[in-house]
C-alpha atoms as a PDB file:
ATOM      1  CA  MET A   1     -10.787  46.938 101.003  1.00  0.00           C
ATOM      2  CA  PRO A   2      -9.431  49.950 101.337  1.00  0.00           C
ATOM      3  CA  ASN A   3      -9.010  50.581  97.229  1.00  0.00           C
ATOM      4  CA  ASP A   4     -12.478  49.105  96.585  1.00  0.00           C
ATOM      5  CA  THR A   5     -13.918  52.641  96.132  1.00  0.00           C
ATOM      6  CA  PHE A   6     -10.920  53.705  93.701  1.00  0.00           C
ATOM      7  CA  ILE A   7     -11.352  50.399  91.856  1.00  0.00           C
ATOM      8  CA  ARG A   8     -15.421  50.868  91.885  1.00  0.00           C
ATOM      9  CA  GLN A   9     -14.662  54.640  90.395  1.00  0.00           C
ATOM     10  CA  TYR A  10     -12.179  53.585  87.771  1.00  0.00           C
ATOM     11  CA  VAL A  11     -14.194  50.318  86.265  1.00  0.00           C
ATOM     12  CA  GLU A  12     -17.177  53.201  85.691  1.00  0.00           C
ATOM     13  CA  LYS A  13     -15.234  55.501  84.055  1.00  0.00           C
ATOM     14  CA  PHE A  14     -13.317  53.155  81.877  1.00  0.00           C
ATOM     15  CA  LYS A  15     -16.018  50.269  81.587  1.00  0.00           C
ATOM     16  CA  ASP A  16     -16.889  51.159  78.048  1.00  0.00           C
ATOM     17  CA  ASP A  17     -13.419  52.495  77.061  1.00  0.00           C
ATOM     18  CA  PRO A  18     -12.415  49.885  74.058  1.00  0.00           C
ATOM     19  CA  GLU A  19      -8.538  50.009  75.173  1.00  0.00           C
ATOM     20  CA  PHE A  20      -9.815  48.795  79.067  1.00  0.00           C
ATOM     21  CA  VAL A  21     -12.061  46.230  77.409  1.00  0.00           C
ATOM     22  CA  THR A  22      -9.262  44.773  75.176  1.00  0.00           C
ATOM     23  CA  GLU A  23      -7.008  45.042  78.286  1.00  0.00           C
ATOM     24  CA  GLN A  24      -9.576  42.993  80.318  1.00  0.00           C
ATOM     25  CA  LEU A  25      -9.888  40.633  77.452  1.00  0.00           C
ATOM     26  CA  MET A  26      -6.087  39.834  77.170  1.00  0.00           C
ATOM     27  CA  LEU A  27      -5.855  39.150  80.509  1.00  0.00           C
ATOM     28  CA  GLU A  28      -8.690  36.666  80.829  1.00  0.00           C
ATOM     29  CA  ILE A  29      -7.205  34.928  77.613  1.00  0.00           C
ATOM     30  CA  GLY A  30      -3.991  34.589  79.740  1.00  0.00           C
ATOM     31  CA  GLY A  31      -5.479  33.707  82.591  1.00  0.00           C
ATOM     32  CA  SER A  32      -7.678  30.948  80.710  1.00  0.00           C
ATOM     33  CA  ILE A  33      -4.377  29.682  78.893  1.00  0.00           C
ATOM     34  CA  VAL A  34      -2.689  29.154  82.214  1.00  0.00           C
ATOM     35  CA  ARG A  35      -5.601  27.230  83.715  1.00  0.00           C
ATOM     36  CA  CYS A  36      -5.270  24.969  80.493  1.00  0.00           C
ATOM     37  CA  MET A  37      -1.621  24.586  80.852  1.00  0.00           C
ATOM     38  CA  LYS A  38      -2.234  23.859  84.361  1.00  0.00           C
ATOM     39  CA  THR A  39      -4.967  20.994  83.756  1.00  0.00           C
ATOM     40  CA  ARG A  40      -2.721  19.361  80.944  1.00  0.00           C
ATOM     41  CA  GLU A  41       0.606  19.780  83.290  1.00  0.00           C
ATOM     42  CA  MET A  42       2.423  22.297  80.352  1.00  0.00           C
ATOM     43  CA  SER A  43       5.027  24.174  81.080  1.00  0.00           C
ATOM     44  CA  ARG A  44       5.705  27.588  79.489  1.00  0.00           C
ATOM     45  CA  SER A  45       8.660  25.696  77.565  1.00  0.00           C
ATOM     46  CA  ASP A  46       6.408  22.937  76.483  1.00  0.00           C
ATOM     47  CA  LEU A  47       3.780  25.409  75.397  1.00  0.00           C
ATOM     48  CA  ALA A  48       6.620  27.454  73.489  1.00  0.00           C
ATOM     49  CA  LYS A  49       7.934  24.240  71.837  1.00  0.00           C
ATOM     50  CA  LYS A  50       4.432  23.110  70.480  1.00  0.00           C
ATOM     51  CA  LEU A  51       3.532  26.677  69.235  1.00  0.00           C
ATOM     52  CA  LYS A  52       7.076  26.961  67.623  1.00  0.00           C
ATOM     53  CA  VAL A  53       7.499  30.597  69.661  1.00  0.00           C
ATOM     54  CA  SER A  54       9.993  31.637  72.023  1.00  0.00           C
ATOM     55  CA  ARG A  55       9.359  31.014  75.410  1.00  0.00           C
ATOM     56  CA  ALA A  56       9.919  35.036  75.996  1.00  0.00           C
ATOM     57  CA  TYR A  57       6.738  35.297  73.578  1.00  0.00           C
ATOM     58  CA  VAL A  58       4.668  32.853  75.806  1.00  0.00           C
ATOM     59  CA  THR A  59       5.523  35.090  78.757  1.00  0.00           C
ATOM     60  CA  GLN A  60       4.166  37.812  76.965  1.00  0.00           C
ATOM     61  CA  LEU A  61       1.041  36.177  75.779  1.00  0.00           C
ATOM     62  CA  LEU A  62       0.332  35.114  79.235  1.00  0.00           C
ATOM     63  CA  ASN A  63       1.007  38.921  80.271  1.00  0.00           C
ATOM     64  CA  GLY A  64      -1.370  40.059  77.400  1.00  0.00           C
ATOM     65  CA  LYS A  65       1.092  41.831  75.521  1.00  0.00           C
ATOM     66  CA  PRO A  66       0.372  40.766  72.010  1.00  0.00           C
ATOM     67  CA  ASN A  67      -2.489  41.481  70.212  1.00  0.00           C
ATOM     68  CA  LEU A  68      -3.928  37.713  69.266  1.00  0.00           C
ATOM     69  CA  THR A  69      -5.348  37.033  65.877  1.00  0.00           C
ATOM     70  CA  ILE A  70      -8.209  34.330  65.558  1.00  0.00           C
ATOM     71  CA  ARG A  71      -5.501  32.141  63.709  1.00  0.00           C
ATOM     72  CA  SER A  72      -3.302  32.571  66.925  1.00  0.00           C
ATOM     73  CA  LEU A  73      -6.202  31.554  69.282  1.00  0.00           C
ATOM     74  CA  ALA A  74      -7.115  28.549  67.134  1.00  0.00           C
ATOM     75  CA  ALA A  75      -3.363  27.520  67.462  1.00  0.00           C
ATOM     76  CA  LEU A  76      -3.448  27.723  70.824  1.00  0.00           C
ATOM     77  CA  GLY A  77      -6.768  25.864  71.169  1.00  0.00           C
ATOM     78  CA  VAL A  78      -5.157  23.057  69.104  1.00  0.00           C
ATOM     79  CA  VAL A  79      -1.961  22.788  71.276  1.00  0.00           C
ATOM     80  CA  LEU A  80      -3.859  22.933  74.603  1.00  0.00           C
ATOM     81  CA  GLU A  81      -6.369  20.122  73.340  1.00  0.00           C
ATOM     82  CA  ALA A  82      -9.353  22.741  74.253  1.00  0.00           C
ATOM     83  CA  ARG A  83     -12.188  24.482  72.264  1.00  0.00           C
ATOM     84  CA  VAL A  84     -11.955  28.231  71.786  1.00  0.00           C
ATOM     85  CA  GLY A  85     -14.981  29.996  72.178  1.00  0.00           C
ATOM     86  CA  ILE A  86     -16.246  33.567  71.992  1.00  0.00           C
ATOM     87  CA  GLU A  87     -19.422  34.775  73.477  1.00  0.00           C
ATOM     88  CA  PHE A  88     -21.000  38.058  73.481  1.00  0.00           C
ATOM     89  CA  ARG A  89     -23.370  39.080  76.974  1.00  0.00           C
ATOM     90  CA  PRO A  90     -24.847  41.638  78.381  1.00  0.00           C
ATOM     91  CA  SER A  91     -22.832  44.291  79.834  1.00  0.00           C
ATOM     92  CA  TYR A  92     -22.335  44.293  83.704  1.00  0.00           C
ATOM     93  CA  SER A  93     -23.012  46.917  86.130  1.00  0.00           C
ATOM     94  CA  VAL A  94     -20.068  48.318  87.904  1.00  0.00           C
ATOM     95  CA  SER A  95     -20.752  46.041  90.905  1.00  0.00           C
ATOM     96  CA  LYS A  96     -21.671  43.231  88.922  1.00  0.00           C
ATOM     97  CA  TYR A  97     -18.272  43.681  87.306  1.00  0.00           C
ATOM     98  CA  LEU A  98     -16.389  43.998  90.467  1.00  0.00           C
ATOM     99  CA  ALA A  99     -17.838  40.881  92.174  1.00  0.00           C
ATOM    100  CA  ARG A 100     -16.893  39.013  89.213  1.00  0.00           C
ATOM    101  CA  TYR A 101     -13.220  39.704  88.626  1.00  0.00           C
ATOM    102  CA  GLU A 102     -12.696  40.689  92.460  1.00  0.00           C
ATOM    103  CA  PRO A 103     -10.451  37.568  93.080  1.00  0.00           C
ATOM    104  CA  HIS A 104      -8.310  38.852  90.395  1.00  0.00           C
ATOM    105  CA  TRP A 105      -7.460  41.935  92.286  1.00  0.00           C
ATOM    106  CA  LYS A 106      -7.490  40.386  95.810  1.00  0.00           C
ATOM    107  CA  PRO A 107      -4.102  39.452  96.701  1.00  0.00           C
ATOM    108  CA  THR A 108      -5.672  35.985  98.580  1.00  0.00           C
ATOM    109  CA  GLY A 109      -7.684  35.052  95.504  1.00  0.00           C
ATOM    110  CA  VAL A 110      -5.414  34.787  92.862  1.00  0.00           C
ATOM    111  CA  LYS A 111      -4.264  31.254  93.285  1.00  0.00           C
ATOM    112  CA  GLN A 112      -8.028  30.224  93.857  1.00  0.00           C
ATOM    113  CA  VAL A 113      -8.969  31.794  90.499  1.00  0.00           C
ATOM    114  CA  TYR A 114      -5.870  30.266  88.528  1.00  0.00           C
ATOM    115  CA  GLY A 115      -5.765  27.194  90.115  1.00  0.00           C
ATOM    116  CA  THR A 116      -9.510  26.047  89.518  1.00  0.00           C
ATOM    117  CA  LYS A 117     -11.084  23.943  86.857  1.00  0.00           C
ATOM    118  CA  THR A 118     -14.553  24.717  87.145  1.00  0.00           C
ATOM    119  CA  PRO A 119     -16.433  26.509  84.574  1.00  0.00           C
ATOM    120  CA  GLU A 120     -17.202  29.592  87.039  1.00  0.00           C
ATOM    121  CA  ALA A 121     -13.781  30.646  85.957  1.00  0.00           C
ATOM    122  CA  ALA A 122     -14.385  30.903  82.507  1.00  0.00           C
ATOM    123  CA  SER A 123     -14.399  34.093  80.716  1.00  0.00           C
ATOM    124  CA  VAL A 124     -15.939  36.075  78.007  1.00  0.00           C
ATOM    125  CA  THR A 125     -13.189  34.916  75.814  1.00  0.00           C
ATOM    126  CA  HIS A 126     -12.379  31.426  77.087  1.00  0.00           C
ATOM    127  CA  LEU A 127     -10.423  28.279  76.378  1.00  0.00           C
ATOM    128  CA  ALA A 128     -12.499  25.623  77.446  1.00  0.00           C
ATOM    129  CA  LEU A 129     -10.967  21.879  78.053  1.00  0.00           C
ATOM    130  CA  ALA A 130     -12.435  19.515  75.300  1.00  0.00           C
ATOM    131  CA  ALA A 131     -14.261  16.697  76.568  1.00  0.00           C
END
């Protein structure tokens, strides 16, 4: 990929920046919500109705715009019939980071990541489907 070097340099430069990490987490949360919605065959409108919020808010939520509280995450978990989990793991090297998130920035991999139901798609902050 031609931009691979740029992306590696960017990640290396900002990997410890709280704003970069925050954005990464928000995107991971949005991806987890989308996976749960797909598994439950739930539309954005359905999610908005169950959360008692506007469809526009759900769109912002999925795009990582709002700063979610633990209460918001808990409400999402209840509505999506999912367990919300937060875990802290050792930091990744840049190459491990890129290998883990590569499908998110490869145009051919986006459907694969968001369409999967496997645990490998779980993220640092994740919504895991309840048993």
